[in-house]
Protein backbone atom coordinates (compact mmCIF):
# COMPACT_ATOMS: atom_id res chain seq x y z
CA MET A 1 12.00 57.85 7.75
CA LYS A 2 14.78 59.68 5.94
CA LYS A 3 16.56 60.44 9.24
CA THR A 4 16.44 56.76 10.22
CA ILE A 5 18.11 55.74 6.96
CA ILE A 6 20.82 58.37 7.46
CA ILE A 7 21.46 57.21 11.03
CA GLN A 8 21.60 53.56 9.95
CA SER A 9 24.01 54.45 7.15
CA ILE A 10 26.29 56.28 9.57
CA ILE A 11 26.28 53.30 11.97
CA LEU A 12 27.10 50.86 9.16
CA TYR A 13 29.88 53.12 7.93
CA ILE A 14 31.44 53.32 11.40
CA ILE A 15 31.21 49.54 11.83
CA SER A 16 32.80 48.93 8.42
CA ILE A 17 35.80 51.09 9.35
CA PHE A 18 36.68 48.73 12.18
CA TRP A 19 35.79 45.39 10.62
CA VAL A 20 37.52 45.63 7.26
CA PRO A 21 40.28 43.00 6.91
CA SER A 22 43.70 44.65 6.96
CA SER A 23 45.18 42.58 4.15
CA ALA A 24 45.20 39.26 2.41
CA ILE A 25 48.54 37.88 1.34
CA ALA A 26 49.10 34.68 -0.53
CA CYS A 27 52.32 32.90 0.25
CA PHE A 28 54.47 31.07 -2.21
CA CYS A 29 58.11 30.38 -1.63
CA ILE A 30 60.70 27.69 -1.99
CA GLU A 31 62.45 26.62 1.18
CA PRO A 32 66.00 27.95 1.04
CA SER A 33 68.86 25.51 0.67
CA PHE A 34 71.16 24.89 3.62
CA GLU A 35 73.80 27.24 2.17
CA GLU A 36 71.27 30.02 1.47
CA ALA A 37 69.74 29.68 4.93
CA VAL A 38 73.12 29.89 6.66
CA SER A 39 74.24 32.94 4.68
CA HIS A 40 70.94 34.86 4.92
CA SER A 41 69.88 34.09 8.51
CA ASP A 42 70.58 36.50 11.36
CA ILE A 43 70.43 33.72 13.93
CA ILE A 44 70.63 29.93 13.81
CA PHE A 45 70.09 27.87 16.94
CA LYS A 46 68.90 24.58 18.34
CA GLY A 47 66.39 25.10 21.11
CA LYS A 48 63.47 23.79 23.12
CA VAL A 49 59.99 25.35 23.17
CA LEU A 50 59.44 26.65 26.73
CA GLU A 51 56.05 28.29 26.25
CA ILE A 52 53.60 29.43 23.64
CA GLN A 53 52.68 32.94 24.68
CA ALA A 54 49.52 35.00 24.24
CA GLN A 55 49.40 37.32 21.27
CA ASN A 56 49.53 41.06 21.84
CA LYS A 57 46.31 42.70 20.71
CA GLY A 58 46.80 44.92 17.70
CA GLU A 59 49.88 43.09 16.48
CA ASN A 60 50.17 40.53 13.72
CA MET A 61 47.41 38.15 14.78
CA SER A 62 48.68 35.26 12.66
CA ALA A 63 52.04 35.19 14.44
CA THR A 64 52.19 33.56 17.86
CA PRO A 65 55.10 34.44 20.16
CA VAL A 66 56.97 31.30 21.18
CA LEU A 67 59.65 31.31 23.87
CA PHE A 68 62.62 29.07 23.08
CA GLU A 69 65.45 28.02 25.38
CA VAL A 70 68.62 28.08 23.29
CA ALA A 71 70.66 24.89 23.70
CA GLN A 72 73.26 25.53 20.96
CA SER A 73 73.96 28.65 18.94
CA TYR A 74 75.30 28.31 15.42
CA LYS A 75 75.05 31.95 14.36
CA GLY A 76 74.23 35.33 15.86
CA ILE A 77 72.70 34.53 19.26
CA GLU A 78 74.35 34.49 22.68
CA GLN A 79 71.22 34.69 24.88
CA SER A 80 69.86 31.64 26.65
CA GLN A 81 66.28 32.45 25.59
CA VAL A 82 64.65 34.05 22.56
CA ILE A 83 61.09 34.86 21.50
CA ILE A 84 60.28 33.87 17.93
CA ASN A 85 56.97 34.89 16.34
CA VAL A 86 55.75 31.73 14.64
CA ASP A 87 53.31 32.17 11.76
CA MET A 88 50.32 29.94 12.53
CA GLY A 89 47.41 31.68 10.86
CA THR A 90 48.14 32.30 7.17
CA SER A 91 49.15 30.46 4.05
CA CYS A 92 52.76 31.07 5.19
CA ASN A 93 52.40 28.87 8.30
CA TYR A 94 55.49 27.25 9.73
CA PRO A 95 54.86 23.70 8.45
CA TYR A 96 55.53 21.87 11.75
CA PRO A 97 53.48 21.92 14.96
CA ILE A 98 54.92 23.89 17.85
CA VAL A 99 54.67 21.86 21.04
CA VAL A 100 56.01 22.79 24.48
CA SER A 101 59.19 20.83 25.33
CA GLU A 102 59.83 19.91 21.69
CA GLU A 103 63.22 20.83 20.22
CA HIS A 104 63.69 22.63 16.89
CA LEU A 105 66.52 23.79 14.68
CA ILE A 106 65.66 27.40 13.79
CA TYR A 107 67.01 29.76 11.12
CA THR A 108 65.47 33.25 11.22
CA ASN A 109 65.93 36.99 10.69
CA LEU A 110 65.04 40.23 12.44
CA ASP A 111 62.24 42.24 10.88
CA ASP A 112 61.98 46.05 10.78
CA GLN A 113 60.49 46.14 14.31
CA GLY A 114 63.27 44.01 15.81
CA ASN A 115 61.26 40.77 16.03
CA TYR A 116 62.21 37.32 14.79
CA TYR A 117 59.69 35.44 12.63
CA LEU A 118 59.41 31.78 11.72
CA HIS A 119 57.25 30.86 8.72
CA LEU A 120 57.12 28.69 5.64
CA CYS A 121 59.73 30.72 3.74
CA VAL A 122 62.55 30.27 6.26
CA ARG A 123 64.33 27.09 7.22
CA GLY A 124 63.46 25.32 10.46
CA PHE A 125 62.71 21.78 11.60
CA PRO A 126 61.82 19.78 14.69
CA LEU A 127 64.93 17.85 15.74
CA ASN A 128 63.24 14.53 15.00
CA GLU A 129 63.07 15.40 11.28
CA PHE A 130 65.74 13.94 9.00
CA GLN A 131 66.53 17.40 7.57
CA ALA A 132 67.38 18.74 11.04
CA VAL A 133 69.77 15.85 11.67
CA GLU A 134 71.44 16.47 8.31
CA ASP A 135 71.72 20.24 8.93
CA LEU A 136 73.15 19.71 12.43
CA SER A 137 75.89 17.51 11.02
CA LYS A 138 76.80 20.30 8.56
CA LEU A 139 76.60 23.07 11.21
CA GLY A 140 79.00 21.33 13.57
CA GLU A 141 79.36 21.75 17.32
CA GLY A 142 77.83 25.18 17.93
CA LYS A 143 78.25 27.19 21.13
CA LYS A 144 76.41 27.25 24.44
CA PRO A 145 74.68 30.57 25.18
CA THR A 146 76.74 32.91 27.33
CA ASP A 147 74.09 35.52 28.26
CA MET A 148 71.64 33.87 30.69
CA ILE A 149 68.30 35.74 30.54
CA ASP A 150 64.66 35.04 31.48
CA LEU A 151 62.05 36.16 28.95
CA SER A 152 59.14 34.17 30.39
CA ASN A 153 57.14 37.31 31.32
CA GLN A 154 58.30 39.40 28.37
CA ASN A 155 55.09 39.21 26.33
CA GLU A 156 52.35 39.82 28.88
CA ASN A 157 49.65 42.14 27.55
CA THR A 158 47.03 43.60 29.83
CA GLY A 159 45.88 46.50 27.65
CA LEU A 160 42.88 46.63 25.36
CA ASP A 161 43.18 47.33 21.67
CA ILE A 162 42.45 51.03 21.12
CA ARG A 163 40.28 50.23 18.08
CA TYR A 164 37.80 48.33 20.26
CA ILE A 165 37.68 51.05 22.87
CA LEU A 166 37.06 53.68 20.20
CA PHE A 167 34.48 51.56 18.38
CA PHE A 168 32.40 50.81 21.49
CA SER A 169 32.65 54.42 22.64
CA ILE A 170 31.24 55.65 19.32
CA ILE A 171 28.47 53.01 19.37
CA GLY A 172 27.63 54.03 22.96
CA ILE A 173 27.38 57.71 21.98
CA ILE A 174 25.17 56.89 18.98
CA ILE A 175 22.87 54.71 21.10
CA PHE A 176 22.69 57.45 23.75
CA PHE A 177 21.56 60.06 21.20
CA LEU A 178 19.12 57.66 19.54
CA ILE A 179 17.48 56.84 22.89
CA ARG A 180 17.38 60.52 23.77
CA ARG A 181 15.76 61.36 20.41
CA ILE A 182 13.19 58.55 20.74
CA GLY A 183 12.38 59.75 24.28
CA LYS A 184 11.76 63.31 23.04
CA SER A 185 9.53 62.14 20.17
CA ASN A 186 7.45 59.97 22.56
CA ARG A 187 6.89 62.97 24.89
CA ASP A 188 5.68 65.19 22.04
């Protein structure tokens, strides 16, 4: 009986290692003014959503990679396409729906890993919003992208998350030894 409790405790401990939430972050921010957004953004562009890509396992699961075709650049981007990770699963969600073929005005920054993120605390609007029209009039003409690239296959992920492989391997080993032990005790 005591051995069963120990084995069950070990199994529960191993399961809890892999199923503990990584973090919980509440989001509160005030949308930056036009002037703040322009001065603090790494890139500003007007672009069309080309595709909403699959998330890479093991990465920020609340951020969905979205491929944009850049129509006009207002700051910091010369490529014809860019992948922006759009927050869609936390309290910091980008407040507008992302729909393929819809155009947006995007202000964003690079993070420490070299990715762009779009969320509640940065400025961005679908082009049919009044605020986008107002910002575009302040931004002026903009420039067409000069570096034509294709990022449509950039985010394909065929690998499995190592945590799942490790977890199921450990569970398999535990089940193997439990079955082996039960088989020995039945023979005795």
